[in-house]
C-alpha cells in the first residue's frame, strides 16, 4: 500500500475541498523560529544553551475545520480508499484553550495510517459526530464526551461511558482537580 504523506494529504484536501484546512504552524516553522516572537517577523533569540519553548500546537498533520470534519472523513474513505477509522483521541491543550481531536484512518489491506485533526475551543468543544458513516466512532466519541466534555451533535446516544451519570466535570482535562475530589471525600485525619 503506498504511503500518503501528511503534505500530500493536505495538498489533496486543499485542492479537492477548498477552505477545509485550518491555518496552523508546521513543526518546521515552529522549530526554525518563523512566526516566533511578537509577530514582527524576527525569530526569537535565546541565550546559549537555552532552547526555544516547544510549540505543542505545531503539526505537520492535516487540521480541518470542525464543521467540515464529516466531509473530510468521507473524502478519506470514498476518494482515498481508507476504510477503517481505527481510533479517535482527544488532547487537552490547557494553556492554549484548545481541545484537539485526532482521527486515525487505515486501509484494510494494510499500510501506514492517515491522520486528520480538528481543533475546538475548550469552553465550547463541539465536533460533528461521524457515527452515521463510521459506526466505529460511536464508543470513541462517547469516551471523548465523558472524559473531556466534547459534544458530538448527531451522535445517537451521547451519554457517559466510564463515569456515572451524576459525575460532574471532565476527569481527563488538565484542570480537573486531582486531590480533594468531592466523590472521594477529604482524607484529612
C-alpha atoms as a PDB file:
ATOM      1  CA  UNK A   1       0.000   0.000   0.000  1.00  0.00           C
ATOM      2  CA  UNK A   2       1.568   3.325  -0.980  1.00  0.00           C
ATOM      3  CA  UNK A   3       2.223   5.768   1.808  1.00  0.00           C
ATOM      4  CA  UNK A   4       0.492   9.124   1.625  1.00  0.00           C
ATOM      5  CA  UNK A   5       2.475  11.798   3.424  1.00  0.00           C
ATOM      6  CA  UNK A   6       0.820  14.486   5.518  1.00  0.00           C
ATOM      7  CA  UNK A   7       1.956  17.066   2.979  1.00  0.00           C
ATOM      8  CA  UNK A   8       0.342  15.126   0.130  1.00  0.00           C
ATOM      9  CA  UNK A   9      -2.884  14.698   2.104  1.00  0.00           C
ATOM     10  CA  UNK A  10      -3.025  18.436   2.848  1.00  0.00           C
ATOM     11  CA  UNK A  11      -2.354  19.232  -0.800  1.00  0.00           C
ATOM     12  CA  UNK A  12      -5.143  16.941  -1.992  1.00  0.00           C
ATOM     13  CA  UNK A  13      -7.608  18.211   0.615  1.00  0.00           C
ATOM     14  CA  UNK A  14      -6.816  21.830  -0.277  1.00  0.00           C
ATOM     15  CA  UNK A  15      -7.256  21.116  -3.992  1.00  0.00           C
ATOM     16  CA  UNK A  16     -10.378  18.935  -3.818  1.00  0.00           C
ATOM     17  CA  UNK A  17     -12.106  20.546  -0.808  1.00  0.00           C
ATOM     18  CA  UNK A  18     -11.094  24.231  -0.834  1.00  0.00           C
ATOM     19  CA  UNK A  19     -11.210  26.023   2.508  1.00  0.00           C
ATOM     20  CA  UNK A  20     -11.285  22.838   4.603  1.00  0.00           C
ATOM     21  CA  UNK A  21      -7.847  23.231   6.220  1.00  0.00           C
ATOM     22  CA  UNK A  22      -7.320  25.413   9.291  1.00  0.00           C
ATOM     23  CA  UNK A  23      -4.270  27.692   9.157  1.00  0.00           C
ATOM     24  CA  UNK A  24      -1.681  26.231  11.529  1.00  0.00           C
ATOM     25  CA  UNK A  25       2.049  26.366  12.149  1.00  0.00           C
ATOM     26  CA  UNK A  26       4.000  23.377  10.947  1.00  0.00           C
ATOM     27  CA  UNK A  27       6.718  21.780  13.031  1.00  0.00           C
ATOM     28  CA  UNK A  28       9.312  23.150  10.625  1.00  0.00           C
ATOM     29  CA  UNK A  29       8.024  26.708  11.054  1.00  0.00           C
ATOM     30  CA  UNK A  30       7.976  26.325  14.823  1.00  0.00           C
ATOM     31  CA  UNK A  31      11.487  24.854  15.026  1.00  0.00           C
ATOM     32  CA  UNK A  32      13.202  27.398  12.759  1.00  0.00           C
ATOM     33  CA  UNK A  33      11.674  30.354  14.560  1.00  0.00           C
ATOM     34  CA  UNK A  34       9.425  31.644  11.815  1.00  0.00           C
ATOM     35  CA  UNK A  35       6.275  33.141  13.259  1.00  0.00           C
ATOM     36  CA  UNK A  36       8.003  33.129  16.642  1.00  0.00           C
ATOM     37  CA  UNK A  37       8.180  36.175  18.898  1.00  0.00           C
ATOM     38  CA  UNK A  38       5.881  39.157  18.702  1.00  0.00           C
ATOM     39  CA  UNK A  39       4.730  38.826  15.097  1.00  0.00           C
ATOM     40  CA  UNK A  40       7.382  41.256  13.860  1.00  0.00           C
ATOM     41  CA  UNK A  41       8.922  38.585  11.621  1.00  0.00           C
ATOM     42  CA  UNK A  42      12.077  38.323  13.742  1.00  0.00           C
ATOM     43  CA  UNK A  43      12.940  34.931  15.130  1.00  0.00           C
ATOM     44  CA  UNK A  44      13.009  34.628  18.890  1.00  0.00           C
ATOM     45  CA  UNK A  45      16.553  34.708  20.232  1.00  0.00           C
ATOM     46  CA  UNK A  46      17.723  32.623  23.156  1.00  0.00           C
ATOM     47  CA  UNK A  47      20.880  32.596  25.209  1.00  0.00           C
ATOM     48  CA  UNK A  48      23.457  29.960  24.511  1.00  0.00           C
ATOM     49  CA  UNK A  49      22.322  26.601  25.869  1.00  0.00           C
ATOM     50  CA  UNK A  50      18.675  27.656  26.080  1.00  0.00           C
ATOM     51  CA  UNK A  51      16.060  26.076  23.918  1.00  0.00           C
ATOM     52  CA  UNK A  52      13.048  27.769  22.437  1.00  0.00           C
ATOM     53  CA  UNK A  53       9.777  26.740  24.059  1.00  0.00           C
ATOM     54  CA  UNK A  54       8.128  23.824  22.303  1.00  0.00           C
ATOM     55  CA  UNK A  55       5.100  24.804  20.242  1.00  0.00           C
ATOM     56  CA  UNK A  56       2.720  21.974  21.103  1.00  0.00           C
ATOM     57  CA  UNK A  57       0.172  23.080  18.502  1.00  0.00           C
ATOM     58  CA  UNK A  58       2.652  22.944  15.625  1.00  0.00           C
ATOM     59  CA  UNK A  59       1.950  19.880  13.496  1.00  0.00           C
ATOM     60  CA  UNK A  60       2.547  18.572  10.023  1.00  0.00           C
ATOM     61  CA  UNK A  61      -0.773  16.679  10.046  1.00  0.00           C
ATOM     62  CA  UNK A  62      -3.885  17.886   8.234  1.00  0.00           C
ATOM     63  CA  UNK A  63      -6.009  20.023  10.582  1.00  0.00           C
ATOM     64  CA  UNK A  64      -9.534  20.629   9.282  1.00  0.00           C
ATOM     65  CA  UNK A  65     -12.264  22.961  10.476  1.00  0.00           C
ATOM     66  CA  UNK A  66     -14.580  21.056  12.862  1.00  0.00           C
ATOM     67  CA  UNK A  67     -17.734  21.710  10.837  1.00  0.00           C
ATOM     68  CA  UNK A  68     -16.009  20.198   7.772  1.00  0.00           C
ATOM     69  CA  UNK A  69     -14.757  17.049   9.528  1.00  0.00           C
ATOM     70  CA  UNK A  70     -17.523  14.748   8.184  1.00  0.00           C
ATOM     71  CA  UNK A  71     -16.731  15.930   4.656  1.00  0.00           C
ATOM     72  CA  UNK A  72     -13.015  15.202   5.182  1.00  0.00           C
ATOM     73  CA  UNK A  73     -13.795  11.741   6.614  1.00  0.00           C
ATOM     74  CA  UNK A  74     -15.998  10.897   3.597  1.00  0.00           C
ATOM     75  CA  UNK A  75     -13.233  12.079   1.271  1.00  0.00           C
ATOM     76  CA  UNK A  76     -10.675   9.872   3.047  1.00  0.00           C
ATOM     77  CA  UNK A  77     -12.985   6.866   2.661  1.00  0.00           C
ATOM     78  CA  UNK A  78     -14.588   7.427  -0.746  1.00  0.00           C
ATOM     79  CA  UNK A  79     -11.716   9.014  -2.669  1.00  0.00           C
ATOM     80  CA  UNK A  80      -8.561   7.837  -0.909  1.00  0.00           C
ATOM     81  CA  UNK A  81      -9.851   4.354  -0.004  1.00  0.00           C
ATOM     82  CA  UNK A  82      -9.218   4.336   3.753  1.00  0.00           C
ATOM     83  CA  UNK A  83     -11.969   2.030   5.048  1.00  0.00           C
ATOM     84  CA  UNK A  84     -11.162   1.853   8.760  1.00  0.00           C
ATOM     85  CA  UNK A  85     -11.451   4.624  11.337  1.00  0.00           C
ATOM     86  CA  UNK A  86      -9.241   2.960  13.900  1.00  0.00           C
ATOM     87  CA  UNK A  87      -9.283   5.396  16.774  1.00  0.00           C
ATOM     88  CA  UNK A  88     -10.318   8.845  17.914  1.00  0.00           C
ATOM     89  CA  UNK A  89      -8.334  10.623  20.591  1.00  0.00           C
ATOM     90  CA  UNK A  90      -8.867  13.898  22.434  1.00  0.00           C
ATOM     91  CA  UNK A  91      -5.937  16.036  23.568  1.00  0.00           C
ATOM     92  CA  UNK A  92      -6.328  18.917  26.021  1.00  0.00           C
ATOM     93  CA  UNK A  93      -4.072  21.930  25.420  1.00  0.00           C
ATOM     94  CA  UNK A  94      -4.985  23.816  28.583  1.00  0.00           C
ATOM     95  CA  UNK A  95      -2.559  26.719  28.114  1.00  0.00           C
ATOM     96  CA  UNK A  96      -3.847  27.350  24.585  1.00  0.00           C
ATOM     97  CA  UNK A  97      -7.535  26.870  25.417  1.00  0.00           C
ATOM     98  CA  UNK A  98      -7.934  24.155  22.790  1.00  0.00           C
ATOM     99  CA  UNK A  99      -9.088  20.561  22.638  1.00  0.00           C
ATOM    100  CA  UNK A 100      -7.748  18.701  19.639  1.00  0.00           C
ATOM    101  CA  UNK A 101      -9.468  15.647  18.212  1.00  0.00           C
ATOM    102  CA  UNK A 102      -7.189  13.192  16.382  1.00  0.00           C
ATOM    103  CA  UNK A 103      -8.588  10.658  13.886  1.00  0.00           C
ATOM    104  CA  UNK A 104      -6.547   7.678  12.584  1.00  0.00           C
ATOM    105  CA  UNK A 105      -7.633   6.039   9.323  1.00  0.00           C
ATOM    106  CA  UNK A 106      -6.260   2.812   7.769  1.00  0.00           C
ATOM    107  CA  UNK A 107      -6.586   0.695   4.635  1.00  0.00           C
ATOM    108  CA  UNK A 108      -7.894  -2.807   5.321  1.00  0.00           C
ATOM    109  CA  UNK A 109      -5.095  -4.146   3.121  1.00  0.00           C
ATOM    110  CA  UNK A 110      -2.533  -2.685   5.495  1.00  0.00           C
ATOM    111  CA  UNK A 111      -0.128   0.175   5.234  1.00  0.00           C
ATOM    112  CA  UNK A 112       0.513   3.285   7.261  1.00  0.00           C
ATOM    113  CA  UNK A 113      -2.118   5.385   8.960  1.00  0.00           C
ATOM    114  CA  UNK A 114      -3.609   8.618   7.753  1.00  0.00           C
ATOM    115  CA  UNK A 115      -4.122  11.253  10.468  1.00  0.00           C
ATOM    116  CA  UNK A 116      -6.648  14.075  10.413  1.00  0.00           C
ATOM    117  CA  UNK A 117      -7.071  16.504  13.301  1.00  0.00           C
ATOM    118  CA  UNK A 118      -9.546  19.183  14.249  1.00  0.00           C
ATOM    119  CA  UNK A 119      -9.392  21.791  16.996  1.00  0.00           C
ATOM    120  CA  UNK A 120     -12.125  23.355  19.091  1.00  0.00           C
ATOM    121  CA  UNK A 121     -12.114  25.831  21.984  1.00  0.00           C
ATOM    122  CA  UNK A 122     -12.131  24.260  25.456  1.00  0.00           C
ATOM    123  CA  UNK A 123     -15.055  26.430  26.516  1.00  0.00           C
ATOM    124  CA  UNK A 124     -17.237  25.204  23.608  1.00  0.00           C
ATOM    125  CA  UNK A 125     -15.885  21.851  22.371  1.00  0.00           C
ATOM    126  CA  UNK A 126     -18.304  20.850  19.598  1.00  0.00           C
ATOM    127  CA  UNK A 127     -17.352  18.451  16.790  1.00  0.00           C
ATOM    128  CA  UNK A 128     -19.896  16.848  14.420  1.00  0.00           C
ATOM    129  CA  UNK A 129     -20.402  13.139  15.014  1.00  0.00           C
ATOM    130  CA  UNK A 130     -19.051  10.654  12.480  1.00  0.00           C
ATOM    131  CA  UNK A 131     -21.233   7.763  13.701  1.00  0.00           C
ATOM    132  CA  UNK A 132     -23.675   7.904  10.761  1.00  0.00           C
ATOM    133  CA  UNK A 133     -20.980   6.923   8.286  1.00  0.00           C
ATOM    134  CA  UNK A 134     -18.347   5.451  10.609  1.00  0.00           C
ATOM    135  CA  UNK A 135     -20.193   3.297  13.214  1.00  0.00           C
ATOM    136  CA  UNK A 136     -16.891   2.562  14.953  1.00  0.00           C
ATOM    137  CA  UNK A 137     -16.807   6.197  16.073  1.00  0.00           C
ATOM    138  CA  UNK A 138     -19.726   5.621  18.460  1.00  0.00           C
ATOM    139  CA  UNK A 139     -17.940   4.467  21.613  1.00  0.00           C
ATOM    140  CA  UNK A 140     -14.881   6.618  20.997  1.00  0.00           C
ATOM    141  CA  UNK A 141     -16.972   9.777  20.697  1.00  0.00           C
ATOM    142  CA  UNK A 142     -18.758   8.822  23.917  1.00  0.00           C
ATOM    143  CA  UNK A 143     -15.361   8.425  25.575  1.00  0.00           C
ATOM    144  CA  UNK A 144     -14.247  11.914  24.424  1.00  0.00           C
ATOM    145  CA  UNK A 145     -17.557  13.288  25.700  1.00  0.00           C
ATOM    146  CA  UNK A 146     -17.320  11.515  29.059  1.00  0.00           C
ATOM    147  CA  UNK A 147     -13.684  12.304  29.815  1.00  0.00           C
ATOM    148  CA  UNK A 148     -13.062  15.624  28.002  1.00  0.00           C
ATOM    149  CA  UNK A 149     -16.532  17.163  27.609  1.00  0.00           C
ATOM    150  CA  UNK A 150     -16.520  17.219  23.794  1.00  0.00           C
ATOM    151  CA  UNK A 151     -20.051  17.429  22.376  1.00  0.00           C
ATOM    152  CA  UNK A 152     -20.858  15.492  19.188  1.00  0.00           C
ATOM    153  CA  UNK A 153     -24.091  16.759  17.577  1.00  0.00           C
ATOM    154  CA  UNK A 154     -25.730  13.958  15.617  1.00  0.00           C
ATOM    155  CA  UNK A 155     -24.472  11.195  17.917  1.00  0.00           C
ATOM    156  CA  UNK A 156     -27.265   8.641  18.558  1.00  0.00           C
ATOM    157  CA  UNK A 157     -26.539   8.126  22.286  1.00  0.00           C
ATOM    158  CA  UNK A 158     -24.126  10.698  23.671  1.00  0.00           C
ATOM    159  CA  UNK A 159     -24.070   9.554  27.294  1.00  0.00           C
ATOM    160  CA  UNK A 160     -21.309   8.797  29.758  1.00  0.00           C
ATOM    161  CA  UNK A 161     -19.480   5.544  29.183  1.00  0.00           C
ATOM    162  CA  UNK A 162     -17.000   5.360  32.108  1.00  0.00           C
ATOM    163  CA  UNK A 163     -18.219   7.795  34.743  1.00  0.00           C
ATOM    164  CA  UNK A 164     -21.583   7.554  36.478  1.00  0.00           C
ATOM    165  CA  UNK A 165     -24.386   9.839  35.335  1.00  0.00           C
ATOM    166  CA  UNK A 166     -24.188  12.127  38.372  1.00  0.00           C
ATOM    167  CA  UNK A 167     -20.448  12.710  37.987  1.00  0.00           C
ATOM    168  CA  UNK A 168     -19.615  16.377  37.435  1.00  0.00           C
ATOM    169  CA  UNK A 169     -16.744  17.510  35.263  1.00  0.00           C
ATOM    170  CA  UNK A 170     -14.358  16.033  32.754  1.00  0.00           C
ATOM    171  CA  UNK A 171     -11.700  13.942  34.532  1.00  0.00           C
ATOM    172  CA  UNK A 172      -9.127  13.846  31.725  1.00  0.00           C
ATOM    173  CA  UNK A 173      -8.954  17.613  31.324  1.00  0.00           C
ATOM    174  CA  UNK A 174      -5.729  19.034  32.673  1.00  0.00           C
ATOM    175  CA  UNK A 175      -7.508  21.403  35.036  1.00  0.00           C
ATOM    176  CA  UNK A 176      -9.622  18.700  36.700  1.00  0.00           C
ATOM    177  CA  UNK A 177      -8.810  18.605  40.445  1.00  0.00           C
ATOM    178  CA  UNK A 178      -6.726  15.559  41.296  1.00  0.00           C
ATOM    179  CA  UNK A 179      -6.996  15.847  45.076  1.00  0.00           C
ATOM    180  CA  UNK A 180      -9.828  16.617  47.403  1.00  0.00           C
ATOM    181  CA  UNK A 181     -12.372  15.334  44.918  1.00  0.00           C
ATOM    182  CA  UNK A 182     -15.818  15.523  46.457  1.00  0.00           C
ATOM    183  CA  UNK A 183     -16.530  11.974  45.345  1.00  0.00           C
ATOM    184  CA  UNK A 184     -13.769  10.535  47.479  1.00  0.00           C
ATOM    185  CA  UNK A 185     -14.095  12.847  50.479  1.00  0.00           C
ATOM    186  CA  UNK A 186     -11.306  14.502  52.370  1.00  0.00           C
ATOM    187  CA  UNK A 187      -8.511  12.266  53.556  1.00  0.00           C
ATOM    188  CA  UNK A 188      -7.598  14.527  56.495  1.00  0.00           C
ATOM    189  CA  UNK A 189      -7.187  12.661  59.732  1.00  0.00           C
END
